[in-house]
C-alpha cells in the first residue's frame, strides 16, 4: 500500500482541523453558557512552562496550512508570538487554514514531496525534503498543538471527547 503526499499531509491536516473547529465551537458555547471569560481561556496554560492556548491554536494552523506554504517557499520558521488574539480571532485562523488547504490541488501537492525546505530557527537551519519535513516535524508538531488546544478546553470544562478531536474519519472500504 502506498499513500500520496497529499493524503499524508493535507488529508490529515484537514481531518484534525475540522475537529479543532468543532471543539472550539463547543468550548466557546460552554464558556458563554457558564459565564466563563473566553479571554482567560485564550491565556490559559496547561503548565507554567508551556505556551498558552492562543499559541497552541496559532501553532496548529501554522503546522498545517503554514507548513504547506513553507514547503512551497522552501523555508519554514516558527510562528510569531502574537498575544493580541481573541478566541474568535483564533477560530478565524483555524478557518483560514482549513480554507487554504481545501483550495489546494491534489496533484500539485503530490509534486512537492521531494522538494527541499529549510527550517530556520534563529541562526539554526535544518534541511529537509518536504516529505521528511511533514512526516518527522510538521505532523508531530501539528498533533501536539491540536491536542494541547483540546486539553486546555477540556480542562476548562468544555463537554468535548475524543470523537470531537478526531473530526470526520475516512471510514468505509
Protein backbone atom coordinates (compact mmCIF):
# COMPACT_ATOMS: atom_id res chain seq x y z
CA UNK A 1 0.00 0.00 0.00
CA UNK A 2 1.21 3.47 -0.73
CA UNK A 3 -0.19 6.79 0.38
CA UNK A 4 0.05 10.04 -1.51
CA UNK A 5 1.84 13.06 -0.10
CA UNK A 6 -1.47 14.93 -0.31
CA UNK A 7 -3.27 12.32 1.81
CA UNK A 8 -0.44 12.13 4.36
CA UNK A 9 -0.28 15.90 4.78
CA UNK A 10 -3.32 17.84 3.61
CA UNK A 11 -5.76 14.99 4.26
CA UNK A 12 -4.50 14.60 7.83
CA UNK A 13 -4.43 18.34 8.46
CA UNK A 14 -8.00 18.80 7.21
CA UNK A 15 -9.41 15.97 9.31
CA UNK A 16 -7.98 17.30 12.55
CA UNK A 17 -8.63 20.98 11.72
CA UNK A 18 -12.29 20.04 11.26
CA UNK A 19 -12.16 18.55 14.74
CA UNK A 20 -10.40 21.62 16.15
CA UNK A 21 -13.01 23.93 14.61
CA UNK A 22 -15.78 21.79 16.09
CA UNK A 23 -14.39 21.51 19.60
CA UNK A 24 -13.53 25.21 19.66
CA UNK A 25 -17.20 25.92 18.86
CA UNK A 26 -18.21 23.62 21.72
CA UNK A 27 -15.69 25.34 24.00
CA UNK A 28 -16.96 28.80 23.08
CA UNK A 29 -20.58 27.72 23.68
CA UNK A 30 -19.61 26.16 27.01
CA UNK A 31 -17.91 29.40 28.08
CA UNK A 32 -20.95 31.51 27.14
CA UNK A 33 -23.39 29.15 28.87
CA UNK A 34 -21.31 29.04 32.06
CA UNK A 35 -20.16 32.65 32.32
CA UNK A 36 -16.51 31.85 31.58
CA UNK A 37 -14.26 34.57 30.19
CA UNK A 38 -13.02 33.49 26.76
CA UNK A 39 -10.00 35.77 27.09
CA UNK A 40 -8.97 33.86 30.21
CA UNK A 41 -9.13 30.65 28.20
CA UNK A 42 -7.03 32.29 25.45
CA UNK A 43 -4.30 32.92 28.04
CA UNK A 44 -4.59 29.55 29.85
CA UNK A 45 -1.62 27.19 30.01
CA UNK A 46 -1.63 23.52 30.97
CA UNK A 47 1.55 24.14 32.97
CA UNK A 48 3.58 27.26 33.71
CA UNK A 49 6.37 26.18 31.39
CA UNK A 50 4.02 25.61 28.43
CA UNK A 51 2.73 28.16 25.95
CA UNK A 52 -0.85 29.41 26.36
CA UNK A 53 -3.96 28.37 24.45
CA UNK A 54 -3.62 31.08 21.82
CA UNK A 55 -0.14 29.86 20.88
CA UNK A 56 -1.43 26.29 20.63
CA UNK A 57 -4.12 27.34 18.15
CA UNK A 58 -1.73 29.54 16.16
CA UNK A 59 0.74 26.66 16.01
CA UNK A 60 -1.94 24.21 14.89
CA UNK A 61 -2.71 26.44 11.92
CA UNK A 62 0.96 27.16 11.32
CA UNK A 63 1.97 23.49 11.25
CA UNK A 64 -0.75 22.71 8.69
CA UNK A 65 -1.54 25.46 6.19
CA UNK A 66 1.67 27.27 7.14
CA UNK A 67 3.68 24.08 6.60
CA UNK A 68 2.38 23.69 3.05
CA UNK A 69 3.10 27.36 2.36
CA UNK A 70 6.60 26.85 3.76
CA UNK A 71 7.14 23.84 1.51
CA UNK A 72 6.04 25.92 -1.47
CA UNK A 73 8.53 28.67 -0.48
CA UNK A 74 11.30 26.28 0.52
CA UNK A 75 11.55 27.78 4.02
CA UNK A 76 9.69 27.35 7.31
CA UNK A 77 10.09 29.11 10.67
CA UNK A 78 8.13 29.03 13.94
CA UNK A 79 5.04 31.24 14.16
CA UNK A 80 5.18 34.71 15.65
CA UNK A 81 4.12 35.05 19.25
CA UNK A 82 1.18 37.47 18.96
CA UNK A 83 -0.67 37.87 22.26
CA UNK A 84 -3.33 40.15 20.81
CA UNK A 85 -5.79 37.48 19.64
CA UNK A 86 -9.34 36.88 20.80
CA UNK A 87 -10.98 33.48 20.86
CA UNK A 88 -12.90 34.49 17.74
CA UNK A 89 -9.65 35.57 16.02
CA UNK A 90 -8.24 32.14 16.75
CA UNK A 91 -11.32 30.45 15.33
CA UNK A 92 -10.84 32.57 12.21
CA UNK A 93 -7.25 31.39 11.96
CA UNK A 94 -8.38 27.75 12.03
CA UNK A 95 -10.97 28.52 9.36
CA UNK A 96 -8.33 30.27 7.23
CA UNK A 97 -6.10 27.18 7.46
CA UNK A 98 -9.00 24.91 6.50
CA UNK A 99 -9.93 27.10 3.54
CA UNK A 100 -6.34 27.37 2.33
CA UNK A 101 -5.80 23.63 2.50
CA UNK A 102 -9.17 22.86 0.92
CA UNK A 103 -8.23 25.00 -2.06
CA UNK A 104 -5.10 23.01 -2.87
CA UNK A 105 -4.91 20.75 -5.89
CA UNK A 106 -4.06 17.14 -5.01
CA UNK A 107 -1.64 16.69 -7.94
CA UNK A 108 0.13 19.98 -7.17
CA UNK A 109 0.70 18.93 -3.55
CA UNK A 110 1.94 15.48 -4.56
CA UNK A 111 4.64 17.09 -6.72
CA UNK A 112 6.02 18.90 -3.66
CA UNK A 113 7.05 15.73 -1.78
CA UNK A 114 10.65 15.55 -2.96
CA UNK A 115 11.26 19.29 -2.89
CA UNK A 116 13.68 20.80 -0.42
CA UNK A 117 12.92 23.03 2.51
CA UNK A 118 14.97 24.66 5.25
CA UNK A 119 13.64 25.01 8.78
CA UNK A 120 15.02 28.22 10.25
CA UNK A 121 15.08 28.95 13.96
CA UNK A 122 17.28 31.91 14.80
CA UNK A 123 20.75 31.10 13.44
CA UNK A 124 19.95 27.40 13.16
CA UNK A 125 18.99 25.92 9.82
CA UNK A 126 17.86 22.33 9.30
CA UNK A 127 17.48 20.99 5.75
CA UNK A 128 14.61 18.63 4.92
CA UNK A 129 12.91 17.12 1.94
CA UNK A 130 9.27 18.18 2.02
CA UNK A 131 8.19 14.60 2.71
CA UNK A 132 10.57 14.21 5.67
CA UNK A 133 9.61 17.64 6.99
CA UNK A 134 5.93 16.71 7.04
CA UNK A 135 6.39 13.22 8.45
CA UNK A 136 9.03 13.95 11.09
CA UNK A 137 8.39 17.58 12.06
CA UNK A 138 5.19 19.18 10.83
CA UNK A 139 2.70 16.40 11.60
CA UNK A 140 4.10 15.64 15.10
CA UNK A 141 4.00 19.36 15.96
CA UNK A 142 0.55 19.74 14.42
CA UNK A 143 -0.87 16.88 16.50
CA UNK A 144 0.87 18.13 19.66
CA UNK A 145 -0.59 21.64 19.38
CA UNK A 146 -4.06 20.43 18.32
CA UNK A 147 -4.08 18.06 21.30
CA UNK A 148 -2.93 20.78 23.70
CA UNK A 149 -5.66 23.09 22.36
CA UNK A 150 -8.16 20.31 23.08
CA UNK A 151 -6.67 19.65 26.53
CA UNK A 152 -6.97 23.29 27.63
CA UNK A 153 -10.63 23.44 26.58
CA UNK A 154 -11.28 20.12 28.30
CA UNK A 155 -9.58 21.45 31.43
CA UNK A 156 -11.93 24.48 31.25
CA UNK A 157 -14.85 22.05 31.42
CA UNK A 158 -15.88 22.02 27.77
CA UNK A 159 -18.04 18.96 27.01
CA UNK A 160 -15.72 17.50 24.39
CA UNK A 161 -14.43 13.99 23.90
CA UNK A 162 -12.18 12.03 21.59
CA UNK A 163 -14.73 11.96 18.76
CA UNK A 164 -14.78 15.78 18.76
CA UNK A 165 -10.99 15.77 18.39
CA UNK A 166 -10.88 13.22 15.57
CA UNK A 167 -13.03 15.13 13.12
CA UNK A 168 -14.51 13.31 10.12
CA UNK A 169 -12.82 9.94 9.81
CA UNK A 170 -12.26 8.31 6.44
CA UNK A 171 -14.45 5.33 7.27
CA UNK A 172 -15.52 2.81 4.69
CA UNK A 173 -13.92 0.22 2.45
